[in-house]
Amino acid sequence: MPWSPKPFGINAATCANAAIQAWSKGLSREHSKDGVTSNCIIPGRIHSEQNERGYPTVEDELAFAAQHIPAGEFGDPEDVAHLLAFAASPKARMISGSVMYVDGGMKRFAH
């Protein structure tokens, strides 16, 4: 049987991530009046050592991206960094309690 990743599923990390999102929303309600923002940034499939282990060949990565990511490719760490830099900047002062995905449309596409 050829190698095939499990793209979606529920595990302990799913529950932990939901708790972090709820906690972040609570923090935003409590501290936004003090100028402190709290957001969750959720990376999708980003080029990293972890994803290299999960997708051992370029063909595996491209096959997954073609099937599950509307943008058609994995992101780069810089794609996440750009959003982080914006979210931490004064220009994002009114963005708090948000969940932001850097996933090429994968999250919306999956549901």
PDB file of N, CA and C in Angstrom:
ATOM      1  N   MET A   1       0.844  -1.185   0.000  1.00  0.00           N
ATOM      2  CA  MET A   1       0.000   0.000   0.000  1.00  0.00           C
ATOM      3  C   MET A   1       0.886   1.244   0.000  1.00  0.00           C
ATOM      4  N   PRO A   2       0.648   2.203  -0.896  1.00  0.00           N
ATOM      5  CA  PRO A   2       1.473   3.407  -0.925  1.00  0.00           C
ATOM      6  C   PRO A   2       1.253   4.264   0.311  1.00  0.00           C
ATOM      7  N   TRP A   3       2.275   5.057   0.630  1.00  0.00           N
ATOM      8  CA  TRP A   3       2.197   5.956   1.772  1.00  0.00           C
ATOM      9  C   TRP A   3       1.087   6.972   1.555  1.00  0.00           C
ATOM     10  N   SER A   4       0.346   7.244   2.612  1.00  0.00           N
ATOM     11  CA  SER A   4      -0.727   8.237   2.519  1.00  0.00           C
ATOM     12  C   SER A   4      -0.875   8.933   3.851  1.00  0.00           C
ATOM     13  N   PRO A   5      -0.791  10.282   3.868  1.00  0.00           N
ATOM     14  CA  PRO A   5      -0.945  11.000   5.134  1.00  0.00           C
ATOM     15  C   PRO A   5      -2.395  11.016   5.578  1.00  0.00           C
ATOM     16  N   LYS A   6      -2.584  11.150   6.887  1.00  0.00           N
ATOM     17  CA  LYS A   6      -3.924  11.372   7.421  1.00  0.00           C
ATOM     18  C   LYS A   6      -4.070  12.886   7.560  1.00  0.00           C
ATOM     19  N   PRO A   7      -4.796  13.526   6.664  1.00  0.00           N
ATOM     20  CA  PRO A   7      -4.834  14.982   6.685  1.00  0.00           C
ATOM     21  C   PRO A   7      -5.652  15.570   7.810  1.00  0.00           C
ATOM     22  N   PHE A   8      -6.646  14.861   8.272  1.00  0.00           N
ATOM     23  CA  PHE A   8      -7.547  15.425   9.271  1.00  0.00           C
ATOM     24  C   PHE A   8      -7.826  14.361  10.318  1.00  0.00           C
ATOM     25  N   GLY A   9      -8.219  14.778  11.464  1.00  0.00           N
ATOM     26  CA  GLY A   9      -8.552  13.828  12.506  1.00  0.00           C
ATOM     27  C   GLY A   9      -8.641  14.537  13.837  1.00  0.00           C
ATOM     28  N   ILE A  10      -9.123  13.823  14.805  1.00  0.00           N
ATOM     29  CA  ILE A  10      -9.240  14.371  16.148  1.00  0.00           C
ATOM     30  C   ILE A  10      -8.262  13.621  17.031  1.00  0.00           C
ATOM     31  N   ASN A  11      -7.470  14.361  17.758  1.00  0.00           N
ATOM     32  CA  ASN A  11      -6.538  13.770  18.710  1.00  0.00           C
ATOM     33  C   ASN A  11      -6.422  14.732  19.890  1.00  0.00           C
ATOM     34  N   ALA A  12      -5.516  14.454  20.801  1.00  0.00           N
ATOM     35  CA  ALA A  12      -5.376  15.294  21.990  1.00  0.00           C
ATOM     36  C   ALA A  12      -5.016  16.727  21.619  1.00  0.00           C
ATOM     37  N   ALA A  13      -4.227  16.901  20.561  1.00  0.00           N
ATOM     38  CA  ALA A  13      -3.847  18.256  20.153  1.00  0.00           C
ATOM     39  C   ALA A  13      -5.064  19.063  19.713  1.00  0.00           C
ATOM     40  N   THR A  14      -6.047  18.412  19.110  1.00  0.00           N
ATOM     41  CA  THR A  14      -7.263  19.104  18.687  1.00  0.00           C
ATOM     42  C   THR A  14      -7.959  19.723  19.895  1.00  0.00           C
ATOM     43  N   CYS A  15      -8.080  18.958  20.956  1.00  0.00           N
ATOM     44  CA  CYS A  15      -8.729  19.458  22.177  1.00  0.00           C
ATOM     45  C   CYS A  15      -7.901  20.570  22.816  1.00  0.00           C
ATOM     46  N   ALA A  16      -6.589  20.399  22.841  1.00  0.00           N
ATOM     47  CA  ALA A  16      -5.719  21.427  23.422  1.00  0.00           C
ATOM     48  C   ALA A  16      -5.811  22.721  22.618  1.00  0.00           C
ATOM     49  N   ASN A  17      -5.834  22.617  21.303  1.00  0.00           N
ATOM     50  CA  ASN A  17      -5.941  23.814  20.469  1.00  0.00           C
ATOM     51  C   ASN A  17      -7.262  24.535  20.694  1.00  0.00           C
ATOM     52  N   ALA A  18      -8.337  23.802  20.860  1.00  0.00           N
ATOM     53  CA  ALA A  18      -9.637  24.424  21.141  1.00  0.00           C
ATOM     54  C   ALA A  18      -9.592  25.167  22.473  1.00  0.00           C
ATOM     55  N   ALA A  19      -8.939  24.579  23.456  1.00  0.00           N
ATOM     56  CA  ALA A  19      -8.820  25.233  24.760  1.00  0.00           C
ATOM     57  C   ALA A  19      -7.988  26.512  24.655  1.00  0.00           C
ATOM     58  N   ILE A  20      -6.917  26.483  23.874  1.00  0.00           N
ATOM     59  CA  ILE A  20      -6.083  27.675  23.697  1.00  0.00           C
ATOM     60  C   ILE A  20      -6.879  28.782  23.020  1.00  0.00           C
ATOM     61  N   GLN A  21      -7.678  28.424  22.027  1.00  0.00           N
ATOM     62  CA  GLN A  21      -8.497  29.430  21.344  1.00  0.00           C
ATOM     63  C   GLN A  21      -9.518  30.046  22.296  1.00  0.00           C
ATOM     64  N   ALA A  22     -10.153  29.222  23.126  1.00  0.00           N
ATOM     65  CA  ALA A  22     -11.126  29.742  24.091  1.00  0.00           C
ATOM     66  C   ALA A  22     -10.439  30.635  25.126  1.00  0.00           C
ATOM     67  N   TRP A  23      -9.262  30.222  25.569  1.00  0.00           N
ATOM     68  CA  TRP A  23      -8.504  31.008  26.538  1.00  0.00           C
ATOM     69  C   TRP A  23      -8.107  32.346  25.924  1.00  0.00           C
ATOM     70  N   SER A  24      -7.640  32.327  24.682  1.00  0.00           N
ATOM     71  CA  SER A  24      -7.255  33.562  23.998  1.00  0.00           C
ATOM     72  C   SER A  24      -8.436  34.519  23.875  1.00  0.00           C
ATOM     73  N   LYS A  25      -9.600  33.982  23.550  1.00  0.00           N
ATOM     74  CA  LYS A  25     -10.799  34.821  23.446  1.00  0.00           C
ATOM     75  C   LYS A  25     -11.122  35.454  24.801  1.00  0.00           C
ATOM     76  N   GLY A  26     -11.024  34.666  25.855  1.00  0.00           N
ATOM     77  CA  GLY A  26     -11.257  35.192  27.203  1.00  0.00           C
ATOM     78  C   GLY A  26     -10.259  36.277  27.572  1.00  0.00           C
ATOM     79  N   LEU A  27      -8.984  36.059  27.235  1.00  0.00           N
ATOM     80  CA  LEU A  27      -7.965  37.073  27.498  1.00  0.00           C
ATOM     81  C   LEU A  27      -8.268  38.359  26.741  1.00  0.00           C
ATOM     82  N   SER A  28      -8.746  38.217  25.508  1.00  0.00           N
ATOM     83  CA  SER A  28      -9.050  39.415  24.716  1.00  0.00           C
ATOM     84  C   SER A  28     -10.179  40.218  25.356  1.00  0.00           C
ATOM     85  N   ARG A  29     -11.148  39.541  25.903  1.00  0.00           N
ATOM     86  CA  ARG A  29     -12.260  40.244  26.558  1.00  0.00           C
ATOM     87  C   ARG A  29     -11.804  40.934  27.839  1.00  0.00           C
ATOM     88  N   GLU A  30     -10.867  40.307  28.511  1.00  0.00           N
ATOM     89  CA  GLU A  30     -10.424  40.844  29.793  1.00  0.00           C
ATOM     90  C   GLU A  30      -9.397  41.968  29.662  1.00  0.00           C
ATOM     91  N   HIS A  31      -8.548  41.906  28.631  1.00  0.00           N
ATOM     92  CA  HIS A  31      -7.421  42.829  28.575  1.00  0.00           C
ATOM     93  C   HIS A  31      -7.399  43.786  27.386  1.00  0.00           C
ATOM     94  N   SER A  32      -8.334  43.682  26.464  1.00  0.00           N
ATOM     95  CA  SER A  32      -8.345  44.595  25.313  1.00  0.00           C
ATOM     96  C   SER A  32      -8.468  46.050  25.746  1.00  0.00           C
ATOM     97  N   LYS A  33      -9.222  46.307  26.799  1.00  0.00           N
ATOM     98  CA  LYS A  33      -9.386  47.690  27.276  1.00  0.00           C
ATOM     99  C   LYS A  33      -8.059  48.286  27.738  1.00  0.00           C
ATOM    100  N   ASP A  34      -7.077  47.423  28.029  1.00  0.00           N
ATOM    101  CA  ASP A  34      -5.752  47.876  28.452  1.00  0.00           C
ATOM    102  C   ASP A  34      -4.775  47.973  27.276  1.00  0.00           C
ATOM    103  N   GLY A  35      -5.276  47.760  26.053  1.00  0.00           N
ATOM    104  CA  GLY A  35      -4.412  47.824  24.872  1.00  0.00           C
ATOM    105  C   GLY A  35      -3.648  46.544  24.603  1.00  0.00           C
ATOM    106  N   VAL A  36      -4.036  45.472  25.278  1.00  0.00           N
ATOM    107  CA  VAL A  36      -3.376  44.176  25.078  1.00  0.00           C
ATOM    108  C   VAL A  36      -4.267  43.321  24.194  1.00  0.00           C
ATOM    109  N   THR A  37      -3.717  42.846  23.100  1.00  0.00           N
ATOM    110  CA  THR A  37      -4.490  41.989  22.203  1.00  0.00           C
ATOM    111  C   THR A  37      -4.090  40.540  22.406  1.00  0.00           C
ATOM    112  N   SER A  38      -5.002  39.653  22.080  1.00  0.00           N
ATOM    113  CA  SER A  38      -4.760  38.216  22.187  1.00  0.00           C
ATOM    114  C   SER A  38      -5.430  37.541  21.001  1.00  0.00           C
ATOM    115  N   ASN A  39      -4.629  36.899  20.183  1.00  0.00           N
ATOM    116  CA  ASN A  39      -5.137  36.231  18.987  1.00  0.00           C
ATOM    117  C   ASN A  39      -4.470  34.866  18.842  1.00  0.00           C
ATOM    118  N   CYS A  40      -5.075  34.024  18.060  1.00  0.00           N
ATOM    119  CA  CYS A  40      -4.478  32.729  17.723  1.00  0.00           C
ATOM    120  C   CYS A  40      -4.153  32.717  16.235  1.00  0.00           C
ATOM    121  N   ILE A  41      -2.929  32.359  15.933  1.00  0.00           N
ATOM    122  CA  ILE A  41      -2.513  32.206  14.536  1.00  0.00           C
ATOM    123  C   ILE A  41      -2.269  30.730  14.311  1.00  0.00           C
ATOM    124  N   ILE A  42      -3.020  30.169  13.365  1.00  0.00           N
ATOM    125  CA  ILE A  42      -2.991  28.730  13.110  1.00  0.00           C
ATOM    126  C   ILE A  42      -2.307  28.480  11.763  1.00  0.00           C
ATOM    127  N   PRO A  43      -1.098  27.938  11.798  1.00  0.00           N
ATOM    128  CA  PRO A  43      -0.462  27.610  10.519  1.00  0.00           C
ATOM    129  C   PRO A  43      -1.026  26.304   9.966  1.00  0.00           C
ATOM    130  N   GLY A  44      -1.142  26.253   8.666  1.00  0.00           N
ATOM    131  CA  GLY A  44      -1.520  25.007   8.002  1.00  0.00           C
ATOM    132  C   GLY A  44      -0.261  24.215   7.702  1.00  0.00           C
ATOM    133  N   ARG A  45      -0.183  23.659   6.530  1.00  0.00           N
ATOM    134  CA  ARG A  45       1.015  22.922   6.129  1.00  0.00           C
ATOM    135  C   ARG A  45       2.064  23.946   5.693  1.00  0.00           C
ATOM    136  N   ILE A  46       3.079  24.100   6.551  1.00  0.00           N
ATOM    137  CA  ILE A  46       4.164  25.047   6.339  1.00  0.00           C
ATOM    138  C   ILE A  46       5.453  24.248   6.191  1.00  0.00           C
ATOM    139  N   HIS A  47       6.307  24.643   5.260  1.00  0.00           N
ATOM    140  CA  HIS A  47       7.588  23.949   5.100  1.00  0.00           C
ATOM    141  C   HIS A  47       8.347  23.985   6.422  1.00  0.00           C
ATOM    142  N   SER A  48       8.586  22.816   6.987  1.00  0.00           N
ATOM    143  CA  SER A  48       9.272  22.692   8.270  1.00  0.00           C
ATOM    144  C   SER A  48       9.833  21.281   8.387  1.00  0.00           C
ATOM    145  N   GLU A  49      10.683  21.065   9.372  1.00  0.00           N
ATOM    146  CA  GLU A  49      11.215  19.729   9.605  1.00  0.00           C
ATOM    147  C   GLU A  49      10.094  18.741   9.914  1.00  0.00           C
ATOM    148  N   GLN A  50       9.107  19.170  10.691  1.00  0.00           N
ATOM    149  CA  GLN A  50       7.993  18.295  11.035  1.00  0.00           C
ATOM    150  C   GLN A  50       7.240  17.858   9.787  1.00  0.00           C
ATOM    151  N   ASN A  51       6.930  18.790   8.901  1.00  0.00           N
ATOM    152  CA  ASN A  51       6.212  18.421   7.683  1.00  0.00           C
ATOM    153  C   ASN A  51       7.079  17.618   6.729  1.00  0.00           C
ATOM    154  N   GLU A  52       8.386  17.828   6.755  1.00  0.00           N
ATOM    155  CA  GLU A  52       9.266  17.010   5.919  1.00  0.00           C
ATOM    156  C   GLU A  52       9.216  15.551   6.351  1.00  0.00           C
ATOM    157  N   ARG A  53       9.068  15.309   7.653  1.00  0.00           N
ATOM    158  CA  ARG A  53       8.924  13.924   8.130  1.00  0.00           C
ATOM    159  C   ARG A  53       7.579  13.330   7.707  1.00  0.00           C
ATOM    160  N   GLY A  54       6.557  14.161   7.673  1.00  0.00           N
ATOM    161  CA  GLY A  54       5.227  13.677   7.317  1.00  0.00           C
ATOM    162  C   GLY A  54       5.013  13.494   5.822  1.00  0.00           C
ATOM    163  N   TYR A  55       5.782  14.213   5.031  1.00  0.00           N
ATOM    164  CA  TYR A  55       5.663  14.151   3.570  1.00  0.00           C
ATOM    165  C   TYR A  55       7.071  13.933   3.029  1.00  0.00           C
ATOM    166  N   PRO A  56       7.520  12.677   2.993  1.00  0.00           N
ATOM    167  CA  PRO A  56       8.929  12.377   2.742  1.00  0.00           C
ATOM    168  C   PRO A  56       9.455  12.755   1.357  1.00  0.00           C
ATOM    169  N   THR A  57       8.587  12.916   0.380  1.00  0.00           N
ATOM    170  CA  THR A  57       9.065  13.304  -0.945  1.00  0.00           C
ATOM    171  C   THR A  57       8.296  14.534  -1.426  1.00  0.00           C
ATOM    172  N   VAL A  58       8.880  15.231  -2.371  1.00  0.00           N
ATOM    173  CA  VAL A  58       8.218  16.382  -2.961  1.00  0.00           C
ATOM    174  C   VAL A  58       6.908  15.950  -3.608  1.00  0.00           C
ATOM    175  N   GLU A  59       6.907  14.780  -4.189  1.00  0.00           N
ATOM    176  CA  GLU A  59       5.679  14.267  -4.822  1.00  0.00           C
ATOM    177  C   GLU A  59       4.571  14.067  -3.804  1.00  0.00           C
ATOM    178  N   ASP A  60       4.914  13.563  -2.601  1.00  0.00           N
ATOM    179  CA  ASP A  60       3.920  13.390  -1.529  1.00  0.00           C
ATOM    180  C   ASP A  60       3.328  14.737  -1.118  1.00  0.00           C
ATOM    181  N   GLU A  61       4.209  15.721  -0.969  1.00  0.00           N
ATOM    182  CA  GLU A  61       3.759  17.058  -0.587  1.00  0.00           C
ATOM    183  C   GLU A  61       2.839  17.648  -1.648  1.00  0.00           C
ATOM    184  N   LEU A  62       3.254  17.563  -2.892  1.00  0.00           N
ATOM    185  CA  LEU A  62       2.459  18.133  -3.977  1.00  0.00           C
ATOM    186  C   LEU A  62       1.114  17.425  -4.127  1.00  0.00           C
ATOM    187  N   ALA A  63       1.103  16.102  -3.937  1.00  0.00           N
ATOM    188  CA  ALA A  63      -0.153  15.350  -4.036  1.00  0.00           C
ATOM    189  C   ALA A  63      -1.118  15.780  -2.935  1.00  0.00           C
ATOM    190  N   PHE A  64      -0.609  15.933  -1.717  1.00  0.00           N
ATOM    191  CA  PHE A  64      -1.457  16.390  -0.623  1.00  0.00           C
ATOM    192  C   PHE A  64      -1.981  17.789  -0.907  1.00  0.00           C
ATOM    193  N   ALA A  65      -1.080  18.688  -1.320  1.00  0.00           N
ATOM    194  CA  ALA A  65      -1.474  20.076  -1.580  1.00  0.00           C
ATOM    195  C   ALA A  65      -2.529  20.148  -2.676  1.00  0.00           C
ATOM    196  N   ALA A  66      -2.352  19.367  -3.723  1.00  0.00           N
ATOM    197  CA  ALA A  66      -3.314  19.394  -4.827  1.00  0.00           C
ATOM    198  C   ALA A  66      -4.702  18.964  -4.373  1.00  0.00           C
ATOM    199  N   GLN A  67      -4.749  18.050  -3.420  1.00  0.00           N
ATOM    200  CA  GLN A  67      -6.037  17.513  -2.972  1.00  0.00           C
ATOM    201  C   GLN A  67      -6.679  18.334  -1.859  1.00  0.00           C
ATOM    202  N   HIS A  68      -5.871  18.962  -1.000  1.00  0.00           N
ATOM    203  CA  HIS A  68      -6.423  19.542   0.227  1.00  0.00           C
ATOM    204  C   HIS A  68      -6.210  21.040   0.411  1.00  0.00           C
ATOM    205  N   ILE A  69      -5.342  21.661  -0.370  1.00  0.00           N
ATOM    206  CA  ILE A  69      -5.027  23.077  -0.154  1.00  0.00           C
ATOM    207  C   ILE A  69      -5.426  23.859  -1.408  1.00  0.00           C
ATOM    208  N   PRO A  70      -6.456  24.698  -1.331  1.00  0.00           N
ATOM    209  CA  PRO A  70      -6.871  25.445  -2.510  1.00  0.00           C
ATOM    210  C   PRO A  70      -5.748  26.255  -3.158  1.00  0.00           C
ATOM    211  N   ALA A  71      -4.800  26.767  -2.366  1.00  0.00           N
ATOM    212  CA  ALA A  71      -3.682  27.520  -2.938  1.00  0.00           C
ATOM    213  C   ALA A  71      -2.725  26.608  -3.707  1.00  0.00           C
ATOM    214  N   GLY A  72      -2.819  25.294  -3.476  1.00  0.00           N
ATOM    215  CA  GLY A  72      -2.036  24.326  -4.240  1.00  0.00           C
ATOM    216  C   GLY A  72      -0.617  24.098  -3.784  1.00  0.00           C
ATOM    217  N   GLU A  73      -0.246  24.638  -2.629  1.00  0.00           N
ATOM    218  CA  GLU A  73       1.126  24.455  -2.154  1.00  0.00           C
ATOM    219  C   GLU A  73       1.205  24.653  -0.652  1.00  0.00           C
ATOM    220  N   PHE A  74       2.306  24.132  -0.064  1.00  0.00           N
ATOM    221  CA  PHE A  74       2.591  24.384   1.338  1.00  0.00           C
ATOM    222  C   PHE A  74       3.093  25.818   1.463  1.00  0.00           C
ATOM    223  N   GLY A  75       2.896  26.395   2.637  1.00  0.00           N
ATOM    224  CA  GLY A  75       3.398  27.735   2.885  1.00  0.00           C
ATOM    225  C   GLY A  75       4.846  27.708   3.341  1.00  0.00           C
ATOM    226  N   ASP A  76       5.428  28.875   3.412  1.00  0.00           N
ATOM    227  CA  ASP A  76       6.785  29.047   3.925  1.00  0.00           C
ATOM    228  C   ASP A  76       6.711  29.687   5.305  1.00  0.00           C
ATOM    229  N   PRO A  77       7.731  29.487   6.146  1.00  0.00           N
ATOM    230  CA  PRO A  77       7.721  30.118   7.468  1.00  0.00           C
ATOM    231  C   PRO A  77       7.491  31.627   7.397  1.00  0.00           C
ATOM    232  N   GLU A  78       7.984  32.268   6.351  1.00  0.00           N
ATOM    233  CA  GLU A  78       7.802  33.709   6.208  1.00  0.00           C
ATOM    234  C   GLU A  78       6.326  34.082   6.080  1.00  0.00           C
ATOM    235  N   ASP A  79       5.513  33.183   5.531  1.00  0.00           N
ATOM    236  CA  ASP A  79       4.080  33.470   5.417  1.00  0.00           C
ATOM    237  C   ASP A  79       3.450  33.642   6.795  1.00  0.00           C
ATOM    238  N   VAL A  80       3.884  32.839   7.748  1.00  0.00           N
ATOM    239  CA  VAL A  80       3.399  32.965   9.124  1.00  0.00           C
ATOM    240  C   VAL A  80       4.011  34.208   9.771  1.00  0.00           C
ATOM    241  N   ALA A  81       5.292  34.427   9.526  1.00  0.00           N
ATOM    242  CA  ALA A  81       5.990  35.557  10.140  1.00  0.00           C
ATOM    243  C   ALA A  81       5.365  36.891   9.748  1.00  0.00           C
ATOM    244  N   HIS A  82       4.926  37.030   8.507  1.00  0.00           N
ATOM    245  CA  HIS A  82       4.306  38.291   8.078  1.00  0.00           C
ATOM    246  C   HIS A  82       3.040  38.574   8.889  1.00  0.00           C
ATOM    247  N   LEU A  83       2.220  37.549   9.106  1.00  0.00           N
ATOM    248  CA  LEU A  83       1.003  37.761   9.900  1.00  0.00           C
ATOM    249  C   LEU A  83       1.354  38.044  11.358  1.00  0.00           C
ATOM    250  N   LEU A  84       2.326  37.321  11.903  1.00  0.00           N
ATOM    251  CA  LEU A  84       2.748  37.577  13.282  1.00  0.00           C
ATOM    252  C   LEU A  84       3.224  39.017  13.458  1.00  0.00           C
ATOM    253  N   ALA A  85       4.030  39.493  12.517  1.00  0.00           N
ATOM    254  CA  ALA A  85       4.544  40.860  12.610  1.00  0.00           C
ATOM    255  C   ALA A  85       3.399  41.870  12.556  1.00  0.00           C
ATOM    256  N   PHE A  86       2.436  41.629  11.674  1.00  0.00           N
ATOM    257  CA  PHE A  86       1.291  42.539  11.607  1.00  0.00           C
ATOM    258  C   PHE A  86       0.466  42.489  12.890  1.00  0.00           C
ATOM    259  N   ALA A  87       0.167  41.272  13.362  1.00  0.00           N
ATOM    260  CA  ALA A  87      -0.683  41.130  14.551  1.00  0.00           C
ATOM    261  C   ALA A  87      -0.047  41.755  15.785  1.00  0.00           C
ATOM    262  N   ALA A  88       1.279  41.801  15.822  1.00  0.00           N
ATOM    263  CA  ALA A  88       1.978  42.391  16.966  1.00  0.00           C
ATOM    264  C   ALA A  88       2.192  43.894  16.811  1.00  0.00           C
ATOM    265  N   SER A  89       1.829  44.430  15.660  1.00  0.00           N
ATOM    266  CA  SER A  89       2.079  45.849  15.395  1.00  0.00           C
ATOM    267  C   SER A  89       0.920  46.724  15.883  1.00  0.00           C
ATOM    268  N   PRO A  90       1.172  48.012  16.049  1.00  0.00           N
ATOM    269  CA  PRO A  90       0.104  48.933  16.428  1.00  0.00           C
ATOM    270  C   PRO A  90      -1.031  49.003  15.401  1.00  0.00           C
ATOM    271  N   LYS A  91      -0.744  48.658  14.150  1.00  0.00           N
ATOM    272  CA  LYS A  91      -1.783  48.691  13.119  1.00  0.00           C
ATOM    273  C   LYS A  91      -2.873  47.656  13.374  1.00  0.00           C
ATOM    274  N   ALA A  92      -2.591  46.665  14.190  1.00  0.00           N
ATOM    275  CA  ALA A  92      -3.570  45.615  14.480  1.00  0.00           C
ATOM    276  C   ALA A  92      -4.217  45.807  15.851  1.00  0.00           C
ATOM    277  N   ARG A  93      -4.225  47.013  16.345  1.00  0.00           N
ATOM    278  CA  ARG A  93      -4.688  47.274  17.708  1.00  0.00           C
ATOM    279  C   ARG A  93      -6.142  46.876  17.960  1.00  0.00           C
ATOM    280  N   MET A  94      -6.963  46.867  16.924  1.00  0.00           N
ATOM    281  CA  MET A  94      -8.372  46.515  17.100  1.00  0.00           C
ATOM    282  C   MET A  94      -8.670  45.061  16.758  1.00  0.00           C
ATOM    283  N   ILE A  95      -7.632  44.294  16.500  1.00  0.00           N
ATOM    284  CA  ILE A  95      -7.814  42.866  16.207  1.00  0.00           C
ATOM    285  C   ILE A  95      -7.459  42.099  17.463  1.00  0.00           C
ATOM    286  N   SER A  96      -8.462  41.567  18.117  1.00  0.00           N
ATOM    287  CA  SER A  96      -8.245  40.810  19.342  1.00  0.00           C
ATOM    288  C   SER A  96      -9.344  39.764  19.475  1.00  0.00           C
ATOM    289  N   GLY A  97      -8.959  38.608  19.958  1.00  0.00           N
ATOM    290  CA  GLY A  97      -9.913  37.513  20.099  1.00  0.00           C
ATOM    291  C   GLY A  97     -10.155  36.774  18.797  1.00  0.00           C
ATOM    292  N   SER A  98      -9.259  36.961  17.843  1.00  0.00           N
ATOM    293  CA  SER A  98      -9.439  36.352  16.527  1.00  0.00           C
ATOM    294  C   SER A  98      -8.621  35.075  16.375  1.00  0.00           C
ATOM    295  N   VAL A  99      -9.100  34.219  15.498  1.00  0.00           N
ATOM    296  CA  VAL A  99      -8.360  33.030  15.082  1.00  0.00           C
ATOM    297  C   VAL A  99      -8.046  33.237  13.609  1.00  0.00           C
ATOM    298  N   MET A 100      -6.749  33.283  13.293  1.00  0.00           N
ATOM    299  CA  MET A 100      -6.319  33.569  11.928  1.00  0.00           C
ATOM    300  C   MET A 100      -5.536  32.378  11.384  1.00  0.00           C
ATOM    301  N   TYR A 101      -5.923  31.934  10.213  1.00  0.00           N
ATOM    302  CA  TYR A 101      -5.301  30.774   9.586  1.00  0.00           C
ATOM    303  C   TYR A 101      -4.332  31.208   8.503  1.00  0.00           C
ATOM    304  N   VAL A 102      -3.178  30.571   8.471  1.00  0.00           N
ATOM    305  CA  VAL A 102      -2.200  30.753   7.398  1.00  0.00           C
ATOM    306  C   VAL A 102      -2.078  29.368   6.759  1.00  0.00           C
ATOM    307  N   ASP A 103      -3.025  29.067   5.880  1.00  0.00           N
ATOM    308  CA  ASP A 103      -3.116  27.681   5.404  1.00  0.00           C
ATOM    309  C   ASP A 103      -3.517  27.553   3.935  1.00  0.00           C
ATOM    310  N   GLY A 104      -3.447  28.632   3.192  1.00  0.00           N
ATOM    311  CA  GLY A 104      -3.789  28.560   1.777  1.00  0.00           C
ATOM    312  C   GLY A 104      -5.231  28.174   1.508  1.00  0.00           C
ATOM    313  N   GLY A 105      -6.116  28.382   2.490  1.00  0.00           N
ATOM    314  CA  GLY A 105      -7.526  28.055   2.338  1.00  0.00           C
ATOM    315  C   GLY A 105      -7.902  26.661   2.783  1.00  0.00           C
ATOM    316  N   MET A 106      -6.960  25.909   3.334  1.00  0.00           N
ATOM    317  CA  MET A 106      -7.212  24.512   3.697  1.00  0.00           C
ATOM    318  C   MET A 106      -8.325  24.350   4.733  1.00  0.00           C
ATOM    319  N   LYS A 107      -8.344  25.167   5.748  1.00  0.00           N
ATOM    320  CA  LYS A 107      -9.356  25.031   6.817  1.00  0.00           C
ATOM    321  C   LYS A 107     -10.759  25.192   6.266  1.00  0.00           C
ATOM    322  N   ARG A 108     -10.990  26.216   5.524  1.00  0.00           N
ATOM    323  CA  ARG A 108     -12.333  26.431   4.968  1.00  0.00           C
ATOM    324  C   ARG A 108     -12.697  25.343   3.968  1.00  0.00           C
ATOM    325  N   PHE A 109     -11.725  24.967   3.171  1.00  0.00           N
ATOM    326  CA  PHE A 109     -11.923  23.950   2.155  1.00  0.00           C
ATOM    327  C   PHE A 109     -12.268  22.604   2.784  1.00  0.00           C
ATOM    328  N   ALA A 110     -11.745  22.351   3.969  1.00  0.00           N
ATOM    329  CA  ALA A 110     -11.926  21.048   4.622  1.00  0.00           C
ATOM    330  C   ALA A 110     -13.314  20.866   5.199  1.00  0.00           C
ATOM    331  N   HIS A 111     -14.063  21.930   5.366  1.00  0.00           N
ATOM    332  CA  HIS A 111     -15.374  21.798   6.032  1.00  0.00           C
ATOM    333  C   HIS A 111     -16.489  22.061   5.098  1.00  0.00           C
TER     334      HIS A 111
END
